[in-house]
Amino acid sequence: MPVGEIALTGPMRQNLISIQKTTESMGVTQDRLATGKKVNTALDDPVNFFAAQGYLQRASDLAGRKDGMFEGIQITKAADAGIIAMTSLITQAKGIANAALATSNTDSRASYATQFNQLMSQITSIAADASYKGTNLLNNNTLTVKFNEDGTASLAVNGFIATTLLNLTLGFVGGTLAGGSIAGWGSTNDAGIQTALAAINTATDYLRTKSKDLATNLNIISTRSDFTKDLITTLKTGADGLTLADMNEEGANMLMLQTRQSLGITSLSLASQAAQAVLRLF
């Protein structure tokens, strides 16, 4: 035996090895209790670690897509809100035209024509303002919403031009209209008012159709957004199932290891006492 080397009895060496193993196990358990995970690195469990990382990476990619879907929903809602406001103004314009048709007073019709033209100008103004994040579906912009990680699943929401009266088949009294002109509303000229009413009905039907298209697209985006949210939750739950530790189990393990460590130290002390008893014989 080399000089300076300390010789341990068999029982003492076995107890020491047992204590070392228990201390090592306690370190692992303490890490699990501190992090809440049983798999913290690839060394703990390479299969589960990399599988969980894959789930979490996909969940992160989908979360980015979900943000894009949210923006798409807001853009579509902005356009729909514009259509609702425009339809409201068109309804008011219809009421004014009917009021003008009910009177033959020249001054009254002239006043109604002025009010009608004011509403027409506000209709296009609303369409121009119905943008969100720089996209305006009422100004013929197109919105593309991507649903999955690689963008292979997507939806194109096509806008239309509502920023000019011409595209809505509307016009100013005394101005031009697609396919003709809106004549002045004189005391004996009902044709101009009738033309305006016909144009209003056409524009109303057109906007209703576009509103239905937007509602369909909005429903698709909202459904995919809800699905993506649920899928992200599923992926994260799957990753947690592969890596998270059972805190109750780890707590019981720690208590058991502490007890085993205490018993090991006691056993080592007894083995040391036995060695000391031998020395007393000399």
C-alpha atoms as a PDB file:
ATOM      1  CA  MET A   1       0.000   0.000   0.000  1.00  0.00           C
ATOM      2  CA  PRO A   2       1.539   3.387  -0.948  1.00  0.00           C
ATOM      3  CA  VAL A   3       2.698   5.658   1.855  1.00  0.00           C
ATOM      4  CA  GLY A   4       0.008   8.090   2.973  1.00  0.00           C
ATOM      5  CA  GLU A   5      -2.895   6.078   1.581  1.00  0.00           C
ATOM      6  CA  ILE A   6      -5.704   5.556   4.030  1.00  0.00           C
ATOM      7  CA  ALA A   7      -7.090   2.033   4.210  1.00  0.00           C
ATOM      8  CA  LEU A   8     -10.823   1.640   4.761  1.00  0.00           C
ATOM      9  CA  THR A   9     -12.518  -1.450   6.017  1.00  0.00           C
ATOM     10  CA  GLY A  10     -14.940  -3.253   3.709  1.00  0.00           C
ATOM     11  CA  PRO A  11     -18.105  -2.051   5.518  1.00  0.00           C
ATOM     12  CA  MET A  12     -16.836   1.532   5.622  1.00  0.00           C
ATOM     13  CA  ARG A  13     -16.025   1.517   1.886  1.00  0.00           C
ATOM     14  CA  GLN A  14     -19.437   0.075   1.004  1.00  0.00           C
ATOM     15  CA  ASN A  15     -21.197   2.670   3.148  1.00  0.00           C
ATOM     16  CA  LEU A  16     -19.148   5.463   1.576  1.00  0.00           C
ATOM     17  CA  ILE A  17     -20.008   4.313  -1.949  1.00  0.00           C
ATOM     18  CA  SER A  18     -23.684   4.086  -0.980  1.00  0.00           C
ATOM     19  CA  ILE A  19     -23.617   7.637   0.416  1.00  0.00           C
ATOM     20  CA  GLN A  20     -21.962   8.950  -2.762  1.00  0.00           C
ATOM     21  CA  LYS A  21     -24.607   7.329  -4.949  1.00  0.00           C
ATOM     22  CA  THR A  22     -27.361   8.700  -2.740  1.00  0.00           C
ATOM     23  CA  THR A  23     -25.870  12.196  -2.905  1.00  0.00           C
ATOM     24  CA  GLU A  24     -25.692  11.964  -6.699  1.00  0.00           C
ATOM     25  CA  SER A  25     -29.340  10.867  -6.876  1.00  0.00           C
ATOM     26  CA  MET A  26     -30.309  13.719  -4.561  1.00  0.00           C
ATOM     27  CA  GLY A  27     -28.641  16.186  -6.963  1.00  0.00           C
ATOM     28  CA  VAL A  28     -30.683  14.837  -9.865  1.00  0.00           C
ATOM     29  CA  THR A  29     -33.884  15.021  -7.824  1.00  0.00           C
ATOM     30  CA  GLN A  30     -33.092  18.550  -6.657  1.00  0.00           C
ATOM     31  CA  ASP A  31     -32.648  19.651 -10.290  1.00  0.00           C
ATOM     32  CA  ARG A  32     -36.027  18.151 -11.180  1.00  0.00           C
ATOM     33  CA  LEU A  33     -37.688  19.861  -8.243  1.00  0.00           C
ATOM     34  CA  ALA A  34     -36.037  23.178  -9.106  1.00  0.00           C
ATOM     35  CA  THR A  35     -36.884  23.113 -12.840  1.00  0.00           C
ATOM     36  CA  GLY A  36     -40.066  21.070 -12.722  1.00  0.00           C
ATOM     37  CA  LYS A  37     -38.681  18.882 -15.508  1.00  0.00           C
ATOM     38  CA  LYS A  38     -37.382  15.344 -15.535  1.00  0.00           C
ATOM     39  CA  VAL A  39     -35.698  15.949 -18.917  1.00  0.00           C
ATOM     40  CA  ASN A  40     -33.625  19.129 -18.917  1.00  0.00           C
ATOM     41  CA  THR A  41     -30.944  18.197 -21.458  1.00  0.00           C
ATOM     42  CA  ALA A  42     -30.421  15.650 -24.189  1.00  0.00           C
ATOM     43  CA  LEU A  43     -28.270  13.674 -21.736  1.00  0.00           C
ATOM     44  CA  ASP A  44     -31.307  12.996 -19.551  1.00  0.00           C
ATOM     45  CA  ASP A  45     -33.346  11.401 -22.355  1.00  0.00           C
ATOM     46  CA  PRO A  46     -32.325  12.212 -25.941  1.00  0.00           C
ATOM     47  CA  VAL A  47     -35.480  10.772 -27.533  1.00  0.00           C
ATOM     48  CA  ASN A  48     -37.943  12.681 -25.365  1.00  0.00           C
ATOM     49  CA  PHE A  49     -35.785  15.814 -25.296  1.00  0.00           C
ATOM     50  CA  PHE A  50     -35.600  16.252 -29.072  1.00  0.00           C
ATOM     51  CA  ALA A  51     -39.231  15.195 -29.567  1.00  0.00           C
ATOM     52  CA  ALA A  52     -40.331  17.846 -27.069  1.00  0.00           C
ATOM     53  CA  GLN A  53     -38.109  20.434 -28.744  1.00  0.00           C
ATOM     54  CA  GLY A  54     -39.753  19.647 -32.065  1.00  0.00           C
ATOM     55  CA  TYR A  55     -43.229  20.111 -30.573  1.00  0.00           C
ATOM     56  CA  LEU A  56     -42.257  23.402 -28.969  1.00  0.00           C
ATOM     57  CA  GLN A  57     -40.645  24.700 -32.166  1.00  0.00           C
ATOM     58  CA  ARG A  58     -43.773  23.915 -34.165  1.00  0.00           C
ATOM     59  CA  ALA A  59     -45.926  25.555 -31.487  1.00  0.00           C
ATOM     60  CA  SER A  60     -43.731  28.666 -31.729  1.00  0.00           C
ATOM     61  CA  ASP A  61     -44.057  28.768 -35.525  1.00  0.00           C
ATOM     62  CA  LEU A  62     -47.827  28.381 -35.299  1.00  0.00           C
ATOM     63  CA  ALA A  63     -47.991  31.133 -32.689  1.00  0.00           C
ATOM     64  CA  GLY A  64     -46.456  33.466 -35.284  1.00  0.00           C
ATOM     65  CA  ARG A  65     -49.077  32.395 -37.811  1.00  0.00           C
ATOM     66  CA  LYS A  66     -51.785  32.935 -35.218  1.00  0.00           C
ATOM     67  CA  ASP A  67     -50.660  36.539 -34.859  1.00  0.00           C
ATOM     68  CA  GLY A  68     -50.987  36.912 -38.633  1.00  0.00           C
ATOM     69  CA  MET A  69     -54.497  35.451 -38.480  1.00  0.00           C
ATOM     70  CA  PHE A  70     -55.421  37.946 -35.780  1.00  0.00           C
ATOM     71  CA  GLU A  71     -54.226  40.786 -37.996  1.00  0.00           C
ATOM     72  CA  GLY A  72     -56.189  39.294 -40.907  1.00  0.00           C
ATOM     73  CA  ILE A  73     -59.316  39.222 -38.772  1.00  0.00           C
ATOM     74  CA  GLN A  74     -58.863  42.884 -37.856  1.00  0.00           C
ATOM     75  CA  ILE A  75     -58.301  43.900 -41.486  1.00  0.00           C
ATOM     76  CA  THR A  76     -61.445  42.053 -42.542  1.00  0.00           C
ATOM     77  CA  LYS A  77     -63.431  43.546 -39.686  1.00  0.00           C
ATOM     78  CA  ALA A  78     -62.266  47.040 -40.649  1.00  0.00           C
ATOM     79  CA  ALA A  79     -63.546  46.495 -44.195  1.00  0.00           C
ATOM     80  CA  ASP A  80     -66.835  45.094 -42.910  1.00  0.00           C
ATOM     81  CA  ALA A  81     -67.246  48.059 -40.576  1.00  0.00           C
ATOM     82  CA  GLY A  82     -66.680  50.333 -43.582  1.00  0.00           C
ATOM     83  CA  ILE A  83     -69.366  48.523 -45.573  1.00  0.00           C
ATOM     84  CA  ILE A  84     -71.814  48.820 -42.680  1.00  0.00           C
ATOM     85  CA  ALA A  85     -71.181  52.564 -42.391  1.00  0.00           C
ATOM     86  CA  MET A  86     -71.420  53.043 -46.157  1.00  0.00           C
ATOM     87  CA  THR A  87     -74.674  51.081 -46.281  1.00  0.00           C
ATOM     88  CA  SER A  88     -76.057  53.280 -43.516  1.00  0.00           C
ATOM     89  CA  LEU A  89     -75.236  56.415 -45.507  1.00  0.00           C
ATOM     90  CA  ILE A  90     -76.734  54.905 -48.652  1.00  0.00           C
ATOM     91  CA  THR A  91     -79.914  54.157 -46.704  1.00  0.00           C
ATOM     92  CA  GLN A  92     -80.031  57.786 -45.585  1.00  0.00           C
ATOM     93  CA  ALA A  93     -79.502  58.871 -49.182  1.00  0.00           C
ATOM     94  CA  LYS A  94     -82.424  56.683 -50.233  1.00  0.00           C
ATOM     95  CA  GLY A  95     -84.615  58.374 -47.643  1.00  0.00           C
ATOM     96  CA  ILE A  96     -83.586  61.781 -48.948  1.00  0.00           C
ATOM     97  CA  ALA A  97     -84.337  60.746 -52.539  1.00  0.00           C
ATOM     98  CA  ASN A  98     -87.771  59.467 -51.533  1.00  0.00           C
ATOM     99  CA  ALA A  99     -88.421  62.713 -49.657  1.00  0.00           C
ATOM    100  CA  ALA A 100     -87.467  64.673 -52.774  1.00  0.00           C
ATOM    101  CA  LEU A 101     -89.766  62.511 -54.860  1.00  0.00           C
ATOM    102  CA  ALA A 102     -92.647  63.293 -52.493  1.00  0.00           C
ATOM    103  CA  THR A 103     -92.441  67.049 -53.125  1.00  0.00           C
ATOM    104  CA  SER A 104     -92.552  69.227 -56.209  1.00  0.00           C
ATOM    105  CA  ASN A 105     -91.117  72.290 -54.554  1.00  0.00           C
ATOM    106  CA  THR A 106     -88.024  73.387 -56.450  1.00  0.00           C
ATOM    107  CA  ASP A 107     -86.209  74.807 -53.412  1.00  0.00           C
ATOM    108  CA  SER A 108     -86.923  71.692 -51.354  1.00  0.00           C
ATOM    109  CA  ARG A 109     -85.624  69.397 -54.083  1.00  0.00           C
ATOM    110  CA  ALA A 110     -82.526  71.533 -54.464  1.00  0.00           C
ATOM    111  CA  SER A 111     -81.917  71.246 -50.727  1.00  0.00           C
ATOM    112  CA  TYR A 112     -82.429  67.476 -50.849  1.00  0.00           C
ATOM    113  CA  ALA A 113     -80.005  67.237 -53.774  1.00  0.00           C
ATOM    114  CA  THR A 114     -77.361  69.077 -51.740  1.00  0.00           C
ATOM    115  CA  GLN A 115     -77.864  66.697 -48.810  1.00  0.00           C
ATOM    116  CA  PHE A 116     -77.720  63.731 -51.183  1.00  0.00           C
ATOM    117  CA  ASN A 117     -74.403  64.878 -52.631  1.00  0.00           C
ATOM    118  CA  GLN A 118     -72.959  65.403 -49.156  1.00  0.00           C
ATOM    119  CA  LEU A 119     -73.780  61.800 -48.287  1.00  0.00           C
ATOM    120  CA  MET A 120     -72.229  60.575 -51.542  1.00  0.00           C
ATOM    121  CA  SER A 121     -68.959  62.324 -50.714  1.00  0.00           C
ATOM    122  CA  GLN A 122     -68.892  60.762 -47.249  1.00  0.00           C
ATOM    123  CA  ILE A 123     -69.418  57.272 -48.671  1.00  0.00           C
ATOM    124  CA  THR A 124     -66.141  57.330 -50.566  1.00  0.00           C
ATOM    125  CA  SER A 125     -64.415  58.979 -47.614  1.00  0.00           C
ATOM    126  CA  ILE A 126     -65.401  56.081 -45.358  1.00  0.00           C
ATOM    127  CA  ALA A 127     -64.152  53.565 -47.917  1.00  0.00           C
ATOM    128  CA  ALA A 128     -60.783  55.340 -48.058  1.00  0.00           C
ATOM    129  CA  ASP A 129     -60.476  55.279 -44.266  1.00  0.00           C
ATOM    130  CA  ALA A 130     -61.411  51.597 -43.780  1.00  0.00           C
ATOM    131  CA  SER A 131     -57.797  50.435 -43.564  1.00  0.00           C
ATOM    132  CA  TYR A 132     -55.938  48.490 -40.914  1.00  0.00           C
ATOM    133  CA  LYS A 133     -52.171  48.128 -40.786  1.00  0.00           C
ATOM    134  CA  GLY A 134     -51.883  49.660 -44.233  1.00  0.00           C
ATOM    135  CA  THR A 135     -54.318  47.237 -45.896  1.00  0.00           C
ATOM    136  CA  ASN A 136     -57.684  48.433 -47.189  1.00  0.00           C
ATOM    137  CA  LEU A 137     -59.928  45.801 -48.732  1.00  0.00           C
ATOM    138  CA  LEU A 138     -62.283  48.569 -49.855  1.00  0.00           C
ATOM    139  CA  ASN A 139     -59.505  50.027 -51.976  1.00  0.00           C
ATOM    140  CA  ASN A 140     -58.916  46.835 -53.965  1.00  0.00           C
ATOM    141  CA  ASN A 141     -56.119  45.533 -51.705  1.00  0.00           C
ATOM    142  CA  THR A 142     -55.667  41.773 -51.334  1.00  0.00           C
ATOM    143  CA  LEU A 143     -55.079  40.074 -48.008  1.00  0.00           C
ATOM    144  CA  THR A 144     -53.271  36.720 -47.849  1.00  0.00           C
ATOM    145  CA  VAL A 145     -53.521  34.861 -44.540  1.00  0.00           C
ATOM    146  CA  LYS A 146     -51.222  31.860 -43.998  1.00  0.00           C
ATOM    147  CA  PHE A 147     -52.385  29.140 -41.639  1.00  0.00           C
ATOM    148  CA  ASN A 148     -49.608  26.561 -41.218  1.00  0.00           C
ATOM    149  CA  GLU A 149     -45.864  26.657 -40.608  1.00  0.00           C
ATOM    150  CA  ASP A 150     -44.690  26.464 -44.230  1.00  0.00           C
ATOM    151  CA  GLY A 151     -47.500  28.618 -45.602  1.00  0.00           C
ATOM    152  CA  THR A 152     -48.901  25.883 -47.861  1.00  0.00           C
ATOM    153  CA  ALA A 153     -52.350  26.411 -46.338  1.00  0.00           C
ATOM    154  CA  SER A 154     -53.551  29.966 -46.896  1.00  0.00           C
ATOM    155  CA  LEU A 155     -56.530  32.123 -47.818  1.00  0.00           C
ATOM    156  CA  ALA A 156     -56.610  35.085 -50.185  1.00  0.00           C
ATOM    157  CA  VAL A 157     -59.200  37.721 -49.325  1.00  0.00           C
ATOM    158  CA  ASN A 158     -59.787  39.835 -52.414  1.00  0.00           C
ATOM    159  CA  GLY A 159     -60.853  43.414 -51.934  1.00  0.00           C
ATOM    160  CA  PHE A 160     -62.796  45.653 -54.279  1.00  0.00           C
ATOM    161  CA  ILE A 161     -62.901  49.314 -55.207  1.00  0.00           C
ATOM    162  CA  ALA A 162     -65.342  51.310 -53.115  1.00  0.00           C
ATOM    163  CA  THR A 163     -63.371  54.531 -52.970  1.00  0.00           C
ATOM    164  CA  THR A 164     -65.077  55.951 -56.067  1.00  0.00           C
ATOM    165  CA  LEU A 165     -68.795  56.371 -56.673  1.00  0.00           C
ATOM    166  CA  LEU A 166     -68.348  55.094 -60.199  1.00  0.00           C
ATOM    167  CA  ASN A 167     -67.413  51.631 -58.981  1.00  0.00           C
ATOM    168  CA  LEU A 168     -70.450  51.598 -56.714  1.00  0.00           C
ATOM    169  CA  THR A 169     -72.727  52.673 -59.608  1.00  0.00           C
ATOM    170  CA  LEU A 170     -73.494  55.814 -57.642  1.00  0.00           C
ATOM    171  CA  GLY A 171     -73.043  59.463 -58.524  1.00  0.00           C
ATOM    172  CA  PHE A 172     -73.727  63.054 -57.562  1.00  0.00           C
ATOM    173  CA  VAL A 173     -76.918  64.805 -58.534  1.00  0.00           C
ATOM    174  CA  GLY A 174     -75.966  66.771 -61.621  1.00  0.00           C
ATOM    175  CA  GLY A 175     -72.886  64.547 -62.023  1.00  0.00           C
ATOM    176  CA  THR A 176     -72.209  61.354 -63.936  1.00  0.00           C
ATOM    177  CA  LEU A 177     -73.245  57.813 -63.155  1.00  0.00           C
ATOM    178  CA  ALA A 178     -71.984  54.531 -64.605  1.00  0.00           C
ATOM    179  CA  GLY A 179     -74.131  53.999 -67.689  1.00  0.00           C
ATOM    180  CA  GLY A 180     -75.656  57.468 -67.649  1.00  0.00           C
ATOM    181  CA  SER A 181     -76.039  60.589 -65.547  1.00  0.00           C
ATOM    182  CA  ILE A 182     -78.101  61.721 -62.566  1.00  0.00           C
ATOM    183  CA  ALA A 183     -80.085  64.668 -63.807  1.00  0.00           C
ATOM    184  CA  GLY A 184     -80.875  67.616 -61.569  1.00  0.00           C
ATOM    185  CA  TRP A 185     -83.851  67.274 -59.264  1.00  0.00           C
ATOM    186  CA  GLY A 186     -86.091  69.982 -60.716  1.00  0.00           C
ATOM    187  CA  SER A 187     -89.730  70.471 -59.756  1.00  0.00           C
ATOM    188  CA  THR A 188     -91.048  68.469 -62.704  1.00  0.00           C
ATOM    189  CA  ASN A 189     -88.117  66.131 -63.316  1.00  0.00           C
ATOM    190  CA  ASP A 190     -88.664  62.892 -61.411  1.00  0.00           C
ATOM    191  CA  ALA A 191     -86.406  60.930 -63.760  1.00  0.00           C
ATOM    192  CA  GLY A 192     -83.237  62.102 -62.006  1.00  0.00           C
ATOM    193  CA  ILE A 193     -84.572  61.014 -58.618  1.00  0.00           C
ATOM    194  CA  GLN A 194     -85.714  57.664 -60.032  1.00  0.00           C
ATOM    195  CA  THR A 195     -82.252  57.143 -61.490  1.00  0.00           C
ATOM    196  CA  ALA A 196     -80.680  57.906 -58.124  1.00  0.00           C
ATOM    197  CA  LEU A 197     -83.000  55.432 -56.365  1.00  0.00           C
ATOM    198  CA  ALA A 198     -82.200  52.706 -58.885  1.00  0.00           C
ATOM    199  CA  ALA A 199     -78.484  53.347 -58.435  1.00  0.00           C
ATOM    200  CA  ILE A 200     -78.881  53.173 -54.655  1.00  0.00           C
ATOM    201  CA  ASN A 201     -80.634  49.812 -54.885  1.00  0.00           C
ATOM    202  CA  THR A 202     -77.891  48.448 -57.135  1.00  0.00           C
ATOM    203  CA  ALA A 203     -75.155  49.722 -54.816  1.00  0.00           C
ATOM    204  CA  THR A 204     -76.937  48.274 -51.767  1.00  0.00           C
ATOM    205  CA  ASP A 205     -77.173  44.812 -53.358  1.00  0.00           C
ATOM    206  CA  TYR A 206     -73.524  45.029 -54.413  1.00  0.00           C
ATOM    207  CA  LEU A 207     -72.322  45.930 -50.916  1.00  0.00           C
ATOM    208  CA  ARG A 208     -74.465  43.198 -49.360  1.00  0.00           C
ATOM    209  CA  THR A 209     -72.849  40.632 -51.629  1.00  0.00           C
ATOM    210  CA  LYS A 210     -69.382  41.879 -50.750  1.00  0.00           C
ATOM    211  CA  SER A 211     -70.294  41.868 -47.062  1.00  0.00           C
ATOM    212  CA  LYS A 212     -71.328  38.217 -47.325  1.00  0.00           C
ATOM    213  CA  ASP A 213     -68.020  37.392 -48.999  1.00  0.00           C
ATOM    214  CA  LEU A 214     -66.118  39.112 -46.198  1.00  0.00           C
ATOM    215  CA  ALA A 215     -68.216  37.326 -43.575  1.00  0.00           C
ATOM    216  CA  THR A 216     -67.380  33.967 -45.145  1.00  0.00           C
ATOM    217  CA  ASN A 217     -63.669  34.781 -45.208  1.00  0.00           C
ATOM    218  CA  LEU A 218     -63.810  36.107 -41.660  1.00  0.00           C
ATOM    219  CA  ASN A 219     -65.455  32.896 -40.482  1.00  0.00           C
ATOM    220  CA  ILE A 220     -62.737  30.803 -42.158  1.00  0.00           C
ATOM    221  CA  ILE A 221     -59.927  32.837 -40.600  1.00  0.00           C
ATOM    222  CA  SER A 222     -61.577  32.778 -37.160  1.00  0.00           C
ATOM    223  CA  THR A 223     -62.079  29.011 -37.354  1.00  0.00           C
ATOM    224  CA  ARG A 224     -58.460  28.441 -38.358  1.00  0.00           C
ATOM    225  CA  SER A 225     -57.324  30.779 -35.598  1.00  0.00           C
ATOM    226  CA  ASP A 226     -59.267  28.801 -32.986  1.00  0.00           C
ATOM    227  CA  PHE A 227     -57.925  25.536 -34.415  1.00  0.00           C
ATOM    228  CA  THR A 228     -54.364  26.860 -34.322  1.00  0.00           C
ATOM    229  CA  LYS A 229     -54.801  27.958 -30.720  1.00  0.00           C
ATOM    230  CA  ASP A 230     -56.007  24.478 -29.740  1.00  0.00           C
ATOM    231  CA  LEU A 231     -53.180  22.841 -31.709  1.00  0.00           C
ATOM    232  CA  ILE A 232     -50.558  24.994 -29.973  1.00  0.00           C
ATOM    233  CA  THR A 233     -51.992  23.917 -26.625  1.00  0.00           C
ATOM    234  CA  THR A 234     -51.884  20.274 -27.717  1.00  0.00           C
ATOM    235  CA  LEU A 235     -48.258  20.551 -28.834  1.00  0.00           C
ATOM    236  CA  LYS A 236     -47.188  22.204 -25.597  1.00  0.00           C
ATOM    237  CA  THR A 237     -49.066  19.614 -23.566  1.00  0.00           C
ATOM    238  CA  GLY A 238     -47.322  16.861 -25.532  1.00  0.00           C
ATOM    239  CA  ALA A 239     -43.932  18.425 -24.888  1.00  0.00           C
ATOM    240  CA  ASP A 240     -44.722  18.773 -21.193  1.00  0.00           C
ATOM    241  CA  GLY A 241     -45.795  15.140 -21.015  1.00  0.00           C
ATOM    242  CA  LEU A 242     -42.361  14.098 -22.298  1.00  0.00           C
ATOM    243  CA  THR A 243     -40.280  16.377 -20.096  1.00  0.00           C
ATOM    244  CA  LEU A 244     -42.162  17.496 -16.990  1.00  0.00           C
ATOM    245  CA  ALA A 245     -41.499  15.752 -13.693  1.00  0.00           C
ATOM    246  CA  ASP A 246     -44.124  14.443 -11.302  1.00  0.00           C
ATOM    247  CA  MET A 247     -43.536  16.799  -8.391  1.00  0.00           C
ATOM    248  CA  ASN A 248     -45.278  14.504  -5.916  1.00  0.00           C
ATOM    249  CA  GLU A 249     -43.081  11.601  -6.981  1.00  0.00           C
ATOM    250  CA  GLU A 250     -39.914  13.684  -6.931  1.00  0.00           C
ATOM    251  CA  GLY A 251     -40.813  15.043  -3.484  1.00  0.00           C
ATOM    252  CA  ALA A 252     -41.255  11.481  -2.191  1.00  0.00           C
ATOM    253  CA  ASN A 253     -37.955  10.497  -3.822  1.00  0.00           C
ATOM    254  CA  MET A 254     -36.170  13.368  -2.082  1.00  0.00           C
ATOM    255  CA  LEU A 255     -37.579  12.336   1.293  1.00  0.00           C
ATOM    256  CA  MET A 256     -36.527   8.742   0.673  1.00  0.00           C
ATOM    257  CA  LEU A 257     -33.036   9.778  -0.431  1.00  0.00           C
ATOM    258  CA  GLN A 258     -32.607  12.025   2.609  1.00  0.00           C
ATOM    259  CA  THR A 259     -33.615   9.120   4.815  1.00  0.00           C
ATOM    260  CA  ARG A 260     -31.226   6.799   2.974  1.00  0.00           C
ATOM    261  CA  GLN A 261     -28.430   9.352   3.310  1.00  0.00           C
ATOM    262  CA  SER A 262     -29.077   9.699   7.019  1.00  0.00           C
ATOM    263  CA  LEU A 263     -29.054   5.928   7.433  1.00  0.00           C
ATOM    264  CA  GLY A 264     -25.860   5.663   5.385  1.00  0.00           C
ATOM    265  CA  ILE A 265     -24.103   8.206   7.560  1.00  0.00           C
ATOM    266  CA  THR A 266     -25.289   6.369  10.655  1.00  0.00           C
ATOM    267  CA  SER A 267     -24.091   3.069   9.209  1.00  0.00           C
ATOM    268  CA  LEU A 268     -20.719   4.625   8.342  1.00  0.00           C
ATOM    269  CA  SER A 269     -20.436   5.897  11.889  1.00  0.00           C
ATOM    270  CA  LEU A 270     -21.145   2.414  13.249  1.00  0.00           C
ATOM    271  CA  ALA A 271     -18.533   0.890  10.952  1.00  0.00           C
ATOM    272  CA  SER A 272     -16.028   3.471  12.157  1.00  0.00           C
ATOM    273  CA  GLN A 273     -16.848   2.667  15.776  1.00  0.00           C
ATOM    274  CA  ALA A 274     -16.204  -1.012  15.057  1.00  0.00           C
ATOM    275  CA  ALA A 275     -12.774  -0.135  13.710  1.00  0.00           C
ATOM    276  CA  GLN A 276     -12.050   1.976  16.761  1.00  0.00           C
ATOM    277  CA  ALA A 277     -13.087  -0.951  18.994  1.00  0.00           C
ATOM    278  CA  VAL A 278     -10.375  -3.040  17.381  1.00  0.00           C
ATOM    279  CA  LEU A 279      -7.793  -0.364  18.180  1.00  0.00           C
ATOM    280  CA  ARG A 280      -8.737  -0.476  21.841  1.00  0.00           C
ATOM    281  CA  LEU A 281      -7.435  -4.022  21.985  1.00  0.00           C
ATOM    282  CA  PHE A 282      -3.880  -2.727  21.626  1.00  0.00           C
END
